[in-house]
Amino acid sequence: MAAADYRLCDVCNRKAFYDANLNYDYDKRDANGEPSLDYLGAWAVICTDCAKTHEVKIVERAPAPEGE
């Protein structure tokens, strides 16, 4: 399988999981210029090796400054 069919680890760029069957919308882009994925706002992926030394945390964003 081509590397483009996989979601790569955000730490080491190793193949993390096969994503060719996910419904990407290539007409819409996220803040990083990546194709959007249905209703997904943001995501992070780490491979099993990097999961031994890294973790993914979900935290609430700070409120936007007044007037933005």
Protein backbone atom coordinates (compact mmCIF):
# COMPACT_ATOMS: atom_id res chain seq x y z
CA MET A 1 0.00 0.00 0.00
CA ALA A 2 1.16 3.51 -0.75
CA ALA A 3 2.12 5.71 2.18
CA ALA A 4 -0.51 8.20 0.98
CA ASP A 5 -3.19 5.66 1.97
CA TYR A 6 -2.08 5.78 5.60
CA ARG A 7 -2.46 8.33 8.35
CA LEU A 8 1.08 9.00 9.50
CA CYS A 9 2.27 9.44 13.06
CA ASP A 10 2.44 13.13 13.99
CA VAL A 11 5.71 12.51 15.86
CA CYS A 12 7.83 10.29 13.59
CA ASN A 13 5.83 10.10 10.31
CA ARG A 14 5.64 6.30 10.48
CA LYS A 15 2.48 4.67 9.08
CA ALA A 16 -0.06 4.59 11.91
CA PHE A 17 -3.27 3.27 10.32
CA TYR A 18 -4.81 2.61 6.92
CA ASP A 19 -7.14 5.49 6.07
CA ALA A 20 -7.93 5.03 2.38
CA ASN A 21 -11.57 4.24 3.16
CA LEU A 22 -12.20 7.40 5.18
CA ASN A 23 -14.45 10.00 3.55
CA TYR A 24 -12.12 12.97 2.97
CA ASP A 25 -13.56 16.10 1.38
CA TYR A 26 -10.75 17.41 -0.83
CA ASP A 27 -12.71 20.60 -1.63
CA LYS A 28 -12.47 21.71 2.02
CA ARG A 29 -9.20 22.24 3.89
CA ASP A 30 -8.47 22.52 7.59
CA ALA A 31 -6.24 25.15 9.22
CA ASN A 32 -3.14 23.16 8.18
CA GLY A 33 -4.22 22.91 4.54
CA GLU A 34 -5.11 19.22 4.89
CA PRO A 35 -8.34 17.84 3.37
CA SER A 36 -11.17 17.86 5.89
CA LEU A 37 -12.68 14.60 7.12
CA ASP A 38 -16.48 14.75 7.43
CA TYR A 39 -17.25 16.54 10.72
CA LEU A 40 -13.80 16.20 12.25
CA GLY A 41 -12.43 19.45 13.67
CA ALA A 42 -8.90 18.39 14.58
CA TRP A 43 -7.08 15.16 15.25
CA ALA A 44 -3.72 13.83 16.26
CA VAL A 45 -2.29 10.39 15.56
CA ILE A 46 0.67 8.67 17.16
CA CYS A 47 2.01 5.23 16.32
CA THR A 48 2.40 2.47 18.90
CA ASP A 49 6.12 3.17 19.32
CA CYS A 50 5.64 6.91 19.91
CA ALA A 51 2.73 6.18 22.27
CA LYS A 52 5.34 4.75 24.64
CA THR A 53 6.94 8.20 25.07
CA HIS A 54 4.20 10.66 24.00
CA GLU A 55 0.53 11.24 24.77
CA VAL A 56 -2.34 13.07 23.13
CA LYS A 57 -4.29 15.47 25.33
CA ILE A 58 -7.54 17.25 24.61
CA VAL A 59 -7.75 20.60 26.35
CA GLU A 60 -10.22 23.43 26.14
CA ARG A 61 -9.05 26.40 24.08
CA ALA A 62 -8.55 29.71 25.82
CA PRO A 63 -11.32 32.21 25.00
CA ALA A 64 -10.57 34.49 22.06
CA PRO A 65 -9.48 38.00 23.05
CA GLU A 66 -12.26 40.58 23.11
CA GLY A 67 -13.10 41.94 19.66
CA GLU A 68 -12.04 38.89 17.62
